[in-house]
C-alpha cells in the first residue's frame, strides 16, 4: 500500500497522475517505488503503442466503413466512462480557466475523429479516397497562402496541434505541394507509427538523422523551402528555458522554439498561420495574414517577437475553440497547466 506520510511517498492525484517524492518510504524503499513507477510508465507506453499498431492493422486488413463506424462509436462510449482520463482532463481545463459544460465530451469527440481520419487513410491506402479531403472546407483566405507560395521562395504554414493536424498536409497538397517536418522521437516505436501515418497519407516527409545537430536539423527544413515547396510545422511544443523564447499561453509562462522564424529570415519564405475548427460536419480552414519579417535586421530579436505574436494568436484560438486542441492531455502541458 502507498504511504502518504513519509517523504518518499508515491500517490495518484485526482487527475490520474502518479507522483513520487524522493526520500525514505515506510512501505517501499525509495528505489523500489521509482522502479515500480518506471514499470508502470513502460507498461502504459507498451499498451498505447500496441493499441495503435493493432488499430492500423485492423484498418488496413478488415477496415470496412461499417467496422470503423462501430469502432468510432465504441471509442466515444469508452471516452464517456474513462474516469481517469476525464478527471485528468477536467483538472487541466479548470487550471486553464476552461471549465465549460460539455467541453470534455467535445474534446473527446474531436480526438476520436482525428484517430478515425487516420484509420480511413489506412483503410483505403490512398488519401484521395479516404473521404478526408471532403471534410476540410477552405474559405476565401486560402488566397493568402496561394499568394505567399507564388513568390517562389517557399512558404511556411504553422498551426498548433489542433485536431486533424496529421492530415492537413495531404489535404492542402492538391492546391499547394506541402511537406511535413517530422521531428525525431527518442522512442523508436513512436517514430515508426508517426512515419507510417505520414506515408499512408501520401505525405511528403522530411526528417533529420537520428543524431543530427541543431544546424543539421535546420538545414533539412531549409532545403524544402529552397525547392519552393510549402513546409507545415506545429511549433507549440514546450522547450526548456534555454532553448526557446518565453511566451504566454492560457495564462502560463511557456518557452517556444523560434526556429520556424529563423528559417523564414534565412530563406525569405513567408510564414502563414493556418487555423481550423469544427462546424456543421466539416472543418472550416482559415489562413491568417503572413507574419512579416524583414531580412537584414536582427535575426534573434525578430524571431522572438514573431513567436510571441503567433503565441498570442494561438491563445486566442484556444479560448474560442478549446475543443480543437489535441494537447490537453499531453504530459508536458499537463505539468505546465498545473504549475508543476
C-alpha atoms as a PDB file:
ATOM      1  CA  UNK A   1       0.000   0.000   0.000  1.00  0.00           C
ATOM      2  CA  UNK A   2       1.057   3.612  -0.509  1.00  0.00           C
ATOM      3  CA  UNK A   3       2.419   5.549   2.436  1.00  0.00           C
ATOM      4  CA  UNK A   4       1.148   9.151   2.191  1.00  0.00           C
ATOM      5  CA  UNK A   5       3.026  10.405   5.237  1.00  0.00           C
ATOM      6  CA  UNK A   6       6.636   9.667   4.518  1.00  0.00           C
ATOM      7  CA  UNK A   7       8.823  11.922   2.304  1.00  0.00           C
ATOM      8  CA  UNK A   8       9.327   9.015  -0.080  1.00  0.00           C
ATOM      9  CA  UNK A   9       5.659   8.542  -0.778  1.00  0.00           C
ATOM     10  CA  UNK A  10       4.052   7.926  -4.123  1.00  0.00           C
ATOM     11  CA  UNK A  11       0.440   8.814  -4.768  1.00  0.00           C
ATOM     12  CA  UNK A  12      -2.140   9.234  -7.505  1.00  0.00           C
ATOM     13  CA  UNK A  13      -3.738  12.642  -7.899  1.00  0.00           C
ATOM     14  CA  UNK A  14      -7.476  13.107  -8.624  1.00  0.00           C
ATOM     15  CA  UNK A  15      -6.428  13.734 -12.218  1.00  0.00           C
ATOM     16  CA  UNK A  16      -4.892  10.291 -12.521  1.00  0.00           C
ATOM     17  CA  UNK A  17      -1.256  11.464 -12.486  1.00  0.00           C
ATOM     18  CA  UNK A  18       1.224   9.427 -10.469  1.00  0.00           C
ATOM     19  CA  UNK A  19       3.628  11.450  -8.298  1.00  0.00           C
ATOM     20  CA  UNK A  20       6.681  10.413  -6.364  1.00  0.00           C
ATOM     21  CA  UNK A  21       8.524  12.403  -3.713  1.00  0.00           C
ATOM     22  CA  UNK A  22      12.122  11.154  -3.208  1.00  0.00           C
ATOM     23  CA  UNK A  23      13.142  10.122   0.277  1.00  0.00           C
ATOM     24  CA  UNK A  24      12.643   7.294   2.703  1.00  0.00           C
ATOM     25  CA  UNK A  25       9.325   5.436   2.486  1.00  0.00           C
ATOM     26  CA  UNK A  26       7.992   3.206   5.225  1.00  0.00           C
ATOM     27  CA  UNK A  27       6.030   0.926   2.858  1.00  0.00           C
ATOM     28  CA  UNK A  28       8.531   0.859  -0.022  1.00  0.00           C
ATOM     29  CA  UNK A  29      12.112   1.927  -0.266  1.00  0.00           C
ATOM     30  CA  UNK A  30      12.556   4.971  -2.500  1.00  0.00           C
ATOM     31  CA  UNK A  31      14.424   2.965  -5.107  1.00  0.00           C
ATOM     32  CA  UNK A  32      11.740   0.308  -5.170  1.00  0.00           C
ATOM     33  CA  UNK A  33       8.972   2.861  -5.690  1.00  0.00           C
ATOM     34  CA  UNK A  34      10.884   4.535  -8.518  1.00  0.00           C
ATOM     35  CA  UNK A  35      11.365   1.153 -10.168  1.00  0.00           C
ATOM     36  CA  UNK A  36       7.654   0.372  -9.870  1.00  0.00           C
ATOM     37  CA  UNK A  37       6.720   3.733 -11.400  1.00  0.00           C
ATOM     38  CA  UNK A  38       9.112   3.079 -14.271  1.00  0.00           C
ATOM     39  CA  UNK A  39       7.432  -0.284 -14.831  1.00  0.00           C
ATOM     40  CA  UNK A  40       4.043   1.470 -14.916  1.00  0.00           C
ATOM     41  CA  UNK A  41       5.296   4.003 -17.458  1.00  0.00           C
ATOM     42  CA  UNK A  42       6.779   1.263 -19.620  1.00  0.00           C
ATOM     43  CA  UNK A  43       3.557  -0.736 -19.417  1.00  0.00           C
ATOM     44  CA  UNK A  44       1.460   2.302 -20.355  1.00  0.00           C
ATOM     45  CA  UNK A  45       3.643   3.024 -23.388  1.00  0.00           C
ATOM     46  CA  UNK A  46       3.614  -0.616 -24.466  1.00  0.00           C
ATOM     47  CA  UNK A  47      -0.179  -0.761 -24.274  1.00  0.00           C
ATOM     48  CA  UNK A  48      -0.585   2.567 -26.102  1.00  0.00           C
ATOM     49  CA  UNK A  49       1.765   1.745 -28.960  1.00  0.00           C
ATOM     50  CA  UNK A  50       0.417  -1.787 -29.202  1.00  0.00           C
ATOM     51  CA  UNK A  51      -3.147  -0.490 -29.478  1.00  0.00           C
ATOM     52  CA  UNK A  52      -2.123   1.957 -32.200  1.00  0.00           C
ATOM     53  CA  UNK A  53      -0.375  -0.764 -34.194  1.00  0.00           C
ATOM     54  CA  UNK A  54      -3.370  -3.086 -33.866  1.00  0.00           C
ATOM     55  CA  UNK A  55      -5.695  -0.259 -34.911  1.00  0.00           C
ATOM     56  CA  UNK A  56      -3.649   0.421 -38.038  1.00  0.00           C
ATOM     57  CA  UNK A  57      -3.636  -3.254 -38.994  1.00  0.00           C
ATOM     58  CA  UNK A  58      -7.399  -3.581 -38.428  1.00  0.00           C
ATOM     59  CA  UNK A  59      -7.989  -0.542 -40.626  1.00  0.00           C
ATOM     60  CA  UNK A  60      -5.711  -1.967 -43.335  1.00  0.00           C
ATOM     61  CA  UNK A  61      -6.964  -5.550 -43.452  1.00  0.00           C
ATOM     62  CA  UNK A  62     -10.601  -5.550 -42.466  1.00  0.00           C
ATOM     63  CA  UNK A  63     -11.494  -1.920 -42.056  1.00  0.00           C
ATOM     64  CA  UNK A  64     -14.745  -1.540 -43.916  1.00  0.00           C
ATOM     65  CA  UNK A  65     -16.650   1.694 -43.361  1.00  0.00           C
ATOM     66  CA  UNK A  66     -19.161  -0.174 -41.193  1.00  0.00           C
ATOM     67  CA  UNK A  67     -16.468  -1.708 -38.964  1.00  0.00           C
ATOM     68  CA  UNK A  68     -14.728   1.614 -38.489  1.00  0.00           C
ATOM     69  CA  UNK A  69     -18.031   3.277 -37.651  1.00  0.00           C
ATOM     70  CA  UNK A  70     -18.568   0.671 -34.920  1.00  0.00           C
ATOM     71  CA  UNK A  71     -15.058   1.362 -33.623  1.00  0.00           C
ATOM     72  CA  UNK A  72     -15.779   5.099 -33.607  1.00  0.00           C
ATOM     73  CA  UNK A  73     -18.938   4.622 -31.565  1.00  0.00           C
ATOM     74  CA  UNK A  74     -17.117   2.319 -29.167  1.00  0.00           C
ATOM     75  CA  UNK A  75     -14.301   4.846 -28.709  1.00  0.00           C
ATOM     76  CA  UNK A  76     -16.792   7.623 -27.952  1.00  0.00           C
ATOM     77  CA  UNK A  77     -18.588   5.392 -25.447  1.00  0.00           C
ATOM     78  CA  UNK A  78     -15.275   4.492 -23.799  1.00  0.00           C
ATOM     79  CA  UNK A  79     -14.378   8.174 -23.528  1.00  0.00           C
ATOM     80  CA  UNK A  80     -17.587   8.851 -21.613  1.00  0.00           C
ATOM     81  CA  UNK A  81     -16.754   6.283 -18.922  1.00  0.00           C
ATOM     82  CA  UNK A  82     -12.935   6.511 -18.783  1.00  0.00           C
ATOM     83  CA  UNK A  83     -12.901   8.378 -15.476  1.00  0.00           C
ATOM     84  CA  UNK A  84      -9.090   8.645 -15.030  1.00  0.00           C
ATOM     85  CA  UNK A  85      -8.765  10.418 -18.384  1.00  0.00           C
ATOM     86  CA  UNK A  86     -11.842  12.552 -17.771  1.00  0.00           C
ATOM     87  CA  UNK A  87     -10.610  13.509 -14.295  1.00  0.00           C
ATOM     88  CA  UNK A  88      -7.188  14.440 -15.628  1.00  0.00           C
ATOM     89  CA  UNK A  89      -8.730  16.449 -18.451  1.00  0.00           C
ATOM     90  CA  UNK A  90     -11.155  18.184 -16.078  1.00  0.00           C
ATOM     91  CA  UNK A  91      -8.283  19.204 -13.797  1.00  0.00           C
ATOM     92  CA  UNK A  92      -6.307  20.628 -16.721  1.00  0.00           C
ATOM     93  CA  UNK A  93      -9.313  22.534 -18.043  1.00  0.00           C
ATOM     94  CA  UNK A  94     -10.029  24.058 -14.629  1.00  0.00           C
ATOM     95  CA  UNK A  95      -6.382  25.090 -14.313  1.00  0.00           C
ATOM     96  CA  UNK A  96      -6.659  26.841 -17.697  1.00  0.00           C
ATOM     97  CA  UNK A  97      -9.932  28.532 -16.789  1.00  0.00           C
ATOM     98  CA  UNK A  98     -11.810  26.473 -19.400  1.00  0.00           C
ATOM     99  CA  UNK A  99     -14.282  24.634 -17.184  1.00  0.00           C
ATOM    100  CA  UNK A 100     -17.266  24.745 -19.575  1.00  0.00           C
ATOM    101  CA  UNK A 101     -20.275  22.401 -19.642  1.00  0.00           C
ATOM    102  CA  UNK A 102     -19.933  19.642 -22.250  1.00  0.00           C
ATOM    103  CA  UNK A 103     -16.361  20.573 -23.154  1.00  0.00           C
ATOM    104  CA  UNK A 104     -14.831  17.258 -22.036  1.00  0.00           C
ATOM    105  CA  UNK A 105     -17.123  15.289 -24.361  1.00  0.00           C
ATOM    106  CA  UNK A 106     -16.474  17.764 -27.203  1.00  0.00           C
ATOM    107  CA  UNK A 107     -12.705  17.343 -26.832  1.00  0.00           C
ATOM    108  CA  UNK A 108     -13.124  13.572 -26.772  1.00  0.00           C
ATOM    109  CA  UNK A 109     -15.198  13.668 -29.956  1.00  0.00           C
ATOM    110  CA  UNK A 110     -12.582  15.691 -31.818  1.00  0.00           C
ATOM    111  CA  UNK A 111      -9.728  13.433 -30.649  1.00  0.00           C
ATOM    112  CA  UNK A 112     -11.635  10.307 -31.713  1.00  0.00           C
ATOM    113  CA  UNK A 113     -12.361  11.995 -35.033  1.00  0.00           C
ATOM    114  CA  UNK A 114      -8.654  12.550 -35.639  1.00  0.00           C
ATOM    115  CA  UNK A 115      -7.917   8.892 -34.995  1.00  0.00           C
ATOM    116  CA  UNK A 116     -10.747   7.856 -37.317  1.00  0.00           C
ATOM    117  CA  UNK A 117      -9.470  10.115 -40.102  1.00  0.00           C
ATOM    118  CA  UNK A 118      -6.166   8.272 -39.883  1.00  0.00           C
ATOM    119  CA  UNK A 119      -7.986   4.921 -39.804  1.00  0.00           C
ATOM    120  CA  UNK A 120      -9.768   5.764 -43.061  1.00  0.00           C
ATOM    121  CA  UNK A 121      -6.419   6.602 -44.652  1.00  0.00           C
ATOM    122  CA  UNK A 122      -5.158   3.127 -43.726  1.00  0.00           C
ATOM    123  CA  UNK A 123      -8.455   1.588 -44.852  1.00  0.00           C
ATOM    124  CA  UNK A 124      -8.130   2.839 -48.429  1.00  0.00           C
ATOM    125  CA  UNK A 125      -4.355   3.150 -48.731  1.00  0.00           C
ATOM    126  CA  UNK A 126      -4.924   6.329 -50.737  1.00  0.00           C
ATOM    127  CA  UNK A 127      -5.580   9.664 -49.128  1.00  0.00           C
ATOM    128  CA  UNK A 128      -7.668  10.894 -52.051  1.00  0.00           C
ATOM    129  CA  UNK A 129     -10.187   8.074 -51.489  1.00  0.00           C
ATOM    130  CA  UNK A 130     -10.209   8.212 -47.692  1.00  0.00           C
ATOM    131  CA  UNK A 131     -13.023  10.762 -47.526  1.00  0.00           C
ATOM    132  CA  UNK A 132     -10.880  13.210 -45.567  1.00  0.00           C
ATOM    133  CA  UNK A 133     -10.490  15.773 -48.350  1.00  0.00           C
ATOM    134  CA  UNK A 134     -14.198  16.482 -48.254  1.00  0.00           C
ATOM    135  CA  UNK A 135     -14.106  17.078 -44.504  1.00  0.00           C
ATOM    136  CA  UNK A 136     -11.979  20.234 -44.794  1.00  0.00           C
ATOM    137  CA  UNK A 137     -13.513  23.384 -46.267  1.00  0.00           C
ATOM    138  CA  UNK A 138     -11.248  26.308 -47.208  1.00  0.00           C
ATOM    139  CA  UNK A 139     -12.672  29.805 -47.291  1.00  0.00           C
ATOM    140  CA  UNK A 140     -11.528  32.752 -49.416  1.00  0.00           C
ATOM    141  CA  UNK A 141      -8.500  33.286 -47.172  1.00  0.00           C
ATOM    142  CA  UNK A 142      -6.795  30.385 -48.976  1.00  0.00           C
ATOM    143  CA  UNK A 143      -5.656  33.018 -51.492  1.00  0.00           C
ATOM    144  CA  UNK A 144      -3.305  34.339 -48.762  1.00  0.00           C
ATOM    145  CA  UNK A 145      -1.474  31.008 -48.721  1.00  0.00           C
ATOM    146  CA  UNK A 146      -1.524  30.730 -52.514  1.00  0.00           C
ATOM    147  CA  UNK A 147      -0.146  34.246 -52.981  1.00  0.00           C
ATOM    148  CA  UNK A 148       2.590  33.623 -50.410  1.00  0.00           C
ATOM    149  CA  UNK A 149       3.570  30.420 -52.193  1.00  0.00           C
ATOM    150  CA  UNK A 150       3.547  32.166 -55.587  1.00  0.00           C
ATOM    151  CA  UNK A 151       6.502  34.323 -54.544  1.00  0.00           C
ATOM    152  CA  UNK A 152       8.724  31.335 -55.294  1.00  0.00           C
ATOM    153  CA  UNK A 153      10.635  31.290 -52.027  1.00  0.00           C
ATOM    154  CA  UNK A 154       8.649  28.506 -50.443  1.00  0.00           C
ATOM    155  CA  UNK A 155       6.155  29.137 -47.679  1.00  0.00           C
ATOM    156  CA  UNK A 156       5.883  28.018 -44.058  1.00  0.00           C
ATOM    157  CA  UNK A 157       2.413  27.140 -42.763  1.00  0.00           C
ATOM    158  CA  UNK A 158       2.222  26.944 -38.988  1.00  0.00           C
ATOM    159  CA  UNK A 159      -0.551  25.711 -36.715  1.00  0.00           C
ATOM    160  CA  UNK A 160      -0.840  24.469 -33.143  1.00  0.00           C
ATOM    161  CA  UNK A 161      -1.663  20.817 -32.527  1.00  0.00           C
ATOM    162  CA  UNK A 162      -5.355  21.213 -33.316  1.00  0.00           C
ATOM    163  CA  UNK A 163      -7.254  18.018 -34.037  1.00  0.00           C
ATOM    164  CA  UNK A 164      -6.762  16.984 -37.639  1.00  0.00           C
ATOM    165  CA  UNK A 165      -3.191  18.268 -37.913  1.00  0.00           C
ATOM    166  CA  UNK A 166      -1.721  14.900 -39.093  1.00  0.00           C
ATOM    167  CA  UNK A 167      -3.822  15.062 -42.284  1.00  0.00           C
ATOM    168  CA  UNK A 168      -3.539  18.780 -43.052  1.00  0.00           C
ATOM    169  CA  UNK A 169      -0.541  18.432 -45.374  1.00  0.00           C
ATOM    170  CA  UNK A 170      -2.174  15.915 -47.759  1.00  0.00           C
ATOM    171  CA  UNK A 171      -5.428  17.921 -47.564  1.00  0.00           C
ATOM    172  CA  UNK A 172      -3.746  21.079 -48.835  1.00  0.00           C
ATOM    173  CA  UNK A 173      -1.323  19.355 -51.261  1.00  0.00           C
ATOM    174  CA  UNK A 174      -3.784  19.284 -54.221  1.00  0.00           C
ATOM    175  CA  UNK A 175      -3.627  23.090 -54.045  1.00  0.00           C
ATOM    176  CA  UNK A 176      -0.026  23.651 -52.880  1.00  0.00           C
ATOM    177  CA  UNK A 177       2.714  20.959 -52.661  1.00  0.00           C
ATOM    178  CA  UNK A 178       3.271  20.520 -48.943  1.00  0.00           C
ATOM    179  CA  UNK A 179       5.966  18.761 -46.918  1.00  0.00           C
ATOM    180  CA  UNK A 180       5.760  17.671 -43.285  1.00  0.00           C
ATOM    181  CA  UNK A 181       8.720  18.225 -40.991  1.00  0.00           C
ATOM    182  CA  UNK A 182       8.953  15.074 -38.884  1.00  0.00           C
ATOM    183  CA  UNK A 183      10.620  15.597 -35.526  1.00  0.00           C
ATOM    184  CA  UNK A 184      12.812  12.782 -34.291  1.00  0.00           C
ATOM    185  CA  UNK A 185      11.450  10.955 -31.262  1.00  0.00           C
ATOM    186  CA  UNK A 186      13.646   9.081 -28.807  1.00  0.00           C
ATOM    187  CA  UNK A 187      11.188   6.182 -28.735  1.00  0.00           C
ATOM    188  CA  UNK A 188      11.605   4.202 -31.998  1.00  0.00           C
ATOM    189  CA  UNK A 189       8.079   2.747 -31.649  1.00  0.00           C
ATOM    190  CA  UNK A 190       6.511   6.195 -31.723  1.00  0.00           C
ATOM    191  CA  UNK A 191       8.766   7.201 -34.610  1.00  0.00           C
ATOM    192  CA  UNK A 192       7.667   4.190 -36.687  1.00  0.00           C
ATOM    193  CA  UNK A 193       3.996   4.943 -36.052  1.00  0.00           C
ATOM    194  CA  UNK A 194       4.419   8.612 -36.990  1.00  0.00           C
ATOM    195  CA  UNK A 195       6.227   7.670 -40.197  1.00  0.00           C
ATOM    196  CA  UNK A 196       3.535   5.107 -41.046  1.00  0.00           C
ATOM    197  CA  UNK A 197       0.810   7.715 -40.645  1.00  0.00           C
ATOM    198  CA  UNK A 198       2.621  10.227 -42.843  1.00  0.00           C
ATOM    199  CA  UNK A 199       3.405   7.715 -45.581  1.00  0.00           C
ATOM    200  CA  UNK A 200      -0.110   6.252 -45.549  1.00  0.00           C
ATOM    201  CA  UNK A 201      -1.450   9.728 -46.256  1.00  0.00           C
ATOM    202  CA  UNK A 202       0.951  10.139 -49.173  1.00  0.00           C
ATOM    203  CA  UNK A 203       2.605  12.890 -47.195  1.00  0.00           C
ATOM    204  CA  UNK A 204       5.994  14.203 -48.279  1.00  0.00           C
ATOM    205  CA  UNK A 205       8.046  13.646 -45.120  1.00  0.00           C
ATOM    206  CA  UNK A 206      11.353  15.273 -44.308  1.00  0.00           C
ATOM    207  CA  UNK A 207      13.268  14.290 -41.219  1.00  0.00           C
ATOM    208  CA  UNK A 208      16.776  14.806 -39.818  1.00  0.00           C
ATOM    209  CA  UNK A 209      19.012  11.884 -38.978  1.00  0.00           C
ATOM    210  CA  UNK A 210      18.853  10.366 -35.511  1.00  0.00           C
ATOM    211  CA  UNK A 211      21.902  12.215 -34.160  1.00  0.00           C
ATOM    212  CA  UNK A 212      21.616  15.402 -36.199  1.00  0.00           C
ATOM    213  CA  UNK A 213      22.856  18.646 -34.682  1.00  0.00           C
ATOM    214  CA  UNK A 214      20.639  21.713 -34.397  1.00  0.00           C
ATOM    215  CA  UNK A 215      22.159  23.156 -37.568  1.00  0.00           C
ATOM    216  CA  UNK A 216      21.676  19.883 -39.456  1.00  0.00           C
ATOM    217  CA  UNK A 217      18.015  19.762 -38.410  1.00  0.00           C
ATOM    218  CA  UNK A 218      17.583  23.324 -39.622  1.00  0.00           C
ATOM    219  CA  UNK A 219      19.183  22.505 -42.981  1.00  0.00           C
ATOM    220  CA  UNK A 220      16.665  19.700 -43.634  1.00  0.00           C
ATOM    221  CA  UNK A 221      13.824  22.202 -43.381  1.00  0.00           C
ATOM    222  CA  UNK A 222      15.663  24.915 -45.325  1.00  0.00           C
ATOM    223  CA  UNK A 223      16.175  22.560 -48.256  1.00  0.00           C
ATOM    224  CA  UNK A 224      12.393  22.104 -48.584  1.00  0.00           C
ATOM    225  CA  UNK A 225      11.824  25.860 -48.754  1.00  0.00           C
ATOM    226  CA  UNK A 226      14.613  26.342 -51.284  1.00  0.00           C
ATOM    227  CA  UNK A 227      12.786  23.847 -53.522  1.00  0.00           C
ATOM    228  CA  UNK A 228       9.792  26.209 -53.490  1.00  0.00           C
ATOM    229  CA  UNK A 229       7.557  23.842 -51.507  1.00  0.00           C
ATOM    230  CA  UNK A 230       5.337  24.568 -48.524  1.00  0.00           C
ATOM    231  CA  UNK A 231       6.540  23.314 -45.140  1.00  0.00           C
ATOM    232  CA  UNK A 232       3.951  22.520 -42.460  1.00  0.00           C
ATOM    233  CA  UNK A 233       5.114  22.805 -38.848  1.00  0.00           C
ATOM    234  CA  UNK A 234       3.363  22.654 -35.457  1.00  0.00           C
ATOM    235  CA  UNK A 235       5.693  24.642 -33.173  1.00  0.00           C
ATOM    236  CA  UNK A 236       3.567  24.703 -29.997  1.00  0.00           C
ATOM    237  CA  UNK A 237       5.910  22.225 -28.310  1.00  0.00           C
ATOM    238  CA  UNK A 238       7.262  23.477 -24.953  1.00  0.00           C
ATOM    239  CA  UNK A 239      11.015  23.711 -24.624  1.00  0.00           C
ATOM    240  CA  UNK A 240      13.452  24.296 -21.812  1.00  0.00           C
ATOM    241  CA  UNK A 241      14.061  27.959 -20.921  1.00  0.00           C
ATOM    242  CA  UNK A 242      17.498  27.954 -22.555  1.00  0.00           C
ATOM    243  CA  UNK A 243      16.092  26.523 -25.808  1.00  0.00           C
ATOM    244  CA  UNK A 244      13.221  28.875 -26.571  1.00  0.00           C
ATOM    245  CA  UNK A 245      11.595  32.256 -26.070  1.00  0.00           C
ATOM    246  CA  UNK A 246       9.165  32.993 -23.248  1.00  0.00           C
ATOM    247  CA  UNK A 247       5.534  33.318 -24.350  1.00  0.00           C
ATOM    248  CA  UNK A 248       2.163  33.290 -22.578  1.00  0.00           C
ATOM    249  CA  UNK A 249      -0.412  30.580 -23.333  1.00  0.00           C
ATOM    250  CA  UNK A 250      -3.554  30.035 -21.253  1.00  0.00           C
ATOM    251  CA  UNK A 251      -2.147  32.270 -18.551  1.00  0.00           C
ATOM    252  CA  UNK A 252       1.002  30.161 -18.249  1.00  0.00           C
ATOM    253  CA  UNK A 253       4.610  31.014 -18.994  1.00  0.00           C
ATOM    254  CA  UNK A 254       5.928  28.669 -21.683  1.00  0.00           C
ATOM    255  CA  UNK A 255       9.042  28.558 -23.851  1.00  0.00           C
ATOM    256  CA  UNK A 256       8.550  28.013 -27.592  1.00  0.00           C
ATOM    257  CA  UNK A 257      11.225  27.352 -30.237  1.00  0.00           C
ATOM    258  CA  UNK A 258      11.973  30.157 -32.696  1.00  0.00           C
ATOM    259  CA  UNK A 259      13.499  28.032 -35.450  1.00  0.00           C
ATOM    260  CA  UNK A 260      10.495  28.429 -37.765  1.00  0.00           C
ATOM    261  CA  UNK A 261      11.051  32.184 -37.963  1.00  0.00           C
ATOM    262  CA  UNK A 262      14.813  31.816 -38.228  1.00  0.00           C
ATOM    263  CA  UNK A 263      14.171  29.681 -41.336  1.00  0.00           C
ATOM    264  CA  UNK A 264      11.892  32.366 -42.735  1.00  0.00           C
ATOM    265  CA  UNK A 265      14.535  35.045 -42.270  1.00  0.00           C
ATOM    266  CA  UNK A 266      17.232  32.937 -43.895  1.00  0.00           C
ATOM    267  CA  UNK A 267      15.185  31.999 -46.961  1.00  0.00           C
ATOM    268  CA  UNK A 268      12.715  34.839 -47.347  1.00  0.00           C
ATOM    269  CA  UNK A 269       9.831  32.362 -47.097  1.00  0.00           C
ATOM    270  CA  UNK A 270       6.606  33.904 -45.763  1.00  0.00           C
ATOM    271  CA  UNK A 271       5.090  32.460 -42.580  1.00  0.00           C
ATOM    272  CA  UNK A 272       1.313  31.965 -42.784  1.00  0.00           C
ATOM    273  CA  UNK A 273      -0.682  30.839 -39.720  1.00  0.00           C
ATOM    274  CA  UNK A 274      -3.462  28.373 -40.521  1.00  0.00           C
ATOM    275  CA  UNK A 275      -6.414  27.527 -38.291  1.00  0.00           C
ATOM    276  CA  UNK A 276      -9.468  25.322 -38.484  1.00  0.00           C
ATOM    277  CA  UNK A 277     -12.435  24.425 -36.298  1.00  0.00           C
ATOM    278  CA  UNK A 278     -15.357  22.003 -36.334  1.00  0.00           C
ATOM    279  CA  UNK A 279     -18.553  23.424 -37.778  1.00  0.00           C
ATOM    280  CA  UNK A 280     -21.579  21.591 -39.118  1.00  0.00           C
ATOM    281  CA  UNK A 281     -19.827  18.360 -40.082  1.00  0.00           C
ATOM    282  CA  UNK A 282     -16.703  19.900 -41.649  1.00  0.00           C
ATOM    283  CA  UNK A 283     -13.506  21.567 -40.512  1.00  0.00           C
ATOM    284  CA  UNK A 284     -13.503  25.218 -41.582  1.00  0.00           C
ATOM    285  CA  UNK A 285      -9.969  26.237 -42.568  1.00  0.00           C
ATOM    286  CA  UNK A 286      -8.843  29.844 -42.305  1.00  0.00           C
ATOM    287  CA  UNK A 287      -5.474  31.321 -43.275  1.00  0.00           C
ATOM    288  CA  UNK A 288      -4.181  34.295 -41.306  1.00  0.00           C
ATOM    289  CA  UNK A 289      -2.189  37.203 -42.652  1.00  0.00           C
ATOM    290  CA  UNK A 290       1.528  36.426 -43.072  1.00  0.00           C
ATOM    291  CA  UNK A 291       3.699  37.292 -40.086  1.00  0.00           C
ATOM    292  CA  UNK A 292       6.006  39.892 -41.572  1.00  0.00           C
ATOM    293  CA  UNK A 293       9.771  39.575 -41.132  1.00  0.00           C
ATOM    294  CA  UNK A 294      12.491  41.812 -42.561  1.00  0.00           C
ATOM    295  CA  UNK A 295      15.733  40.256 -43.783  1.00  0.00           C
ATOM    296  CA  UNK A 296      18.850  42.130 -42.784  1.00  0.00           C
ATOM    297  CA  UNK A 297      17.673  43.074 -39.302  1.00  0.00           C
ATOM    298  CA  UNK A 298      18.424  41.227 -36.081  1.00  0.00           C
ATOM    299  CA  UNK A 299      17.514  37.571 -36.587  1.00  0.00           C
ATOM    300  CA  UNK A 300      17.126  36.606 -32.938  1.00  0.00           C
ATOM    301  CA  UNK A 301      15.082  39.685 -31.990  1.00  0.00           C
ATOM    302  CA  UNK A 302      12.713  39.322 -34.945  1.00  0.00           C
ATOM    303  CA  UNK A 303      12.302  35.583 -34.452  1.00  0.00           C
ATOM    304  CA  UNK A 304      11.453  36.027 -30.769  1.00  0.00           C
ATOM    305  CA  UNK A 305       8.997  38.845 -31.476  1.00  0.00           C
ATOM    306  CA  UNK A 306       7.298  36.849 -34.230  1.00  0.00           C
ATOM    307  CA  UNK A 307       6.924  33.804 -31.974  1.00  0.00           C
ATOM    308  CA  UNK A 308       5.300  35.929 -29.272  1.00  0.00           C
ATOM    309  CA  UNK A 309       2.899  37.308 -31.873  1.00  0.00           C
ATOM    310  CA  UNK A 310       1.939  33.812 -33.019  1.00  0.00           C
ATOM    311  CA  UNK A 311       1.614  32.544 -29.440  1.00  0.00           C
ATOM    312  CA  UNK A 312      -0.891  35.313 -28.775  1.00  0.00           C
ATOM    313  CA  UNK A 313      -2.905  34.131 -31.777  1.00  0.00           C
ATOM    314  CA  UNK A 314      -2.767  30.539 -30.510  1.00  0.00           C
ATOM    315  CA  UNK A 315      -4.051  31.654 -27.120  1.00  0.00           C
ATOM    316  CA  UNK A 316      -6.989  33.465 -28.756  1.00  0.00           C
ATOM    317  CA  UNK A 317      -7.823  30.423 -30.907  1.00  0.00           C
ATOM    318  CA  UNK A 318      -7.777  28.051 -27.936  1.00  0.00           C
ATOM    319  CA  UNK A 319     -10.113  30.301 -25.991  1.00  0.00           C
ATOM    320  CA  UNK A 320     -12.516  30.419 -28.946  1.00  0.00           C
ATOM    321  CA  UNK A 321     -12.272  26.719 -29.869  1.00  0.00           C
ATOM    322  CA  UNK A 322     -10.911  24.820 -26.835  1.00  0.00           C
ATOM    323  CA  UNK A 323     -12.397  21.546 -28.127  1.00  0.00           C
ATOM    324  CA  UNK A 324      -9.906  21.555 -31.012  1.00  0.00           C
ATOM    325  CA  UNK A 325      -6.642  21.254 -29.059  1.00  0.00           C
ATOM    326  CA  UNK A 326      -5.013  17.826 -29.113  1.00  0.00           C
ATOM    327  CA  UNK A 327      -2.553  18.730 -26.326  1.00  0.00           C
ATOM    328  CA  UNK A 328      -4.959  18.959 -23.392  1.00  0.00           C
ATOM    329  CA  UNK A 329      -3.692  15.588 -22.104  1.00  0.00           C
ATOM    330  CA  UNK A 330      -0.082  15.982 -23.221  1.00  0.00           C
ATOM    331  CA  UNK A 331       2.156  15.237 -20.230  1.00  0.00           C
ATOM    332  CA  UNK A 332       4.296  18.358 -20.707  1.00  0.00           C
ATOM    333  CA  UNK A 333       1.266  20.624 -20.981  1.00  0.00           C
ATOM    334  CA  UNK A 334      -0.317  18.869 -18.001  1.00  0.00           C
ATOM    335  CA  UNK A 335       2.665  19.837 -15.856  1.00  0.00           C
ATOM    336  CA  UNK A 336       2.633  23.392 -17.211  1.00  0.00           C
ATOM    337  CA  UNK A 337      -1.085  23.938 -16.666  1.00  0.00           C
ATOM    338  CA  UNK A 338      -0.857  22.639 -13.103  1.00  0.00           C
ATOM    339  CA  UNK A 339       2.166  24.774 -12.286  1.00  0.00           C
ATOM    340  CA  UNK A 340       4.373  21.782 -11.627  1.00  0.00           C
END
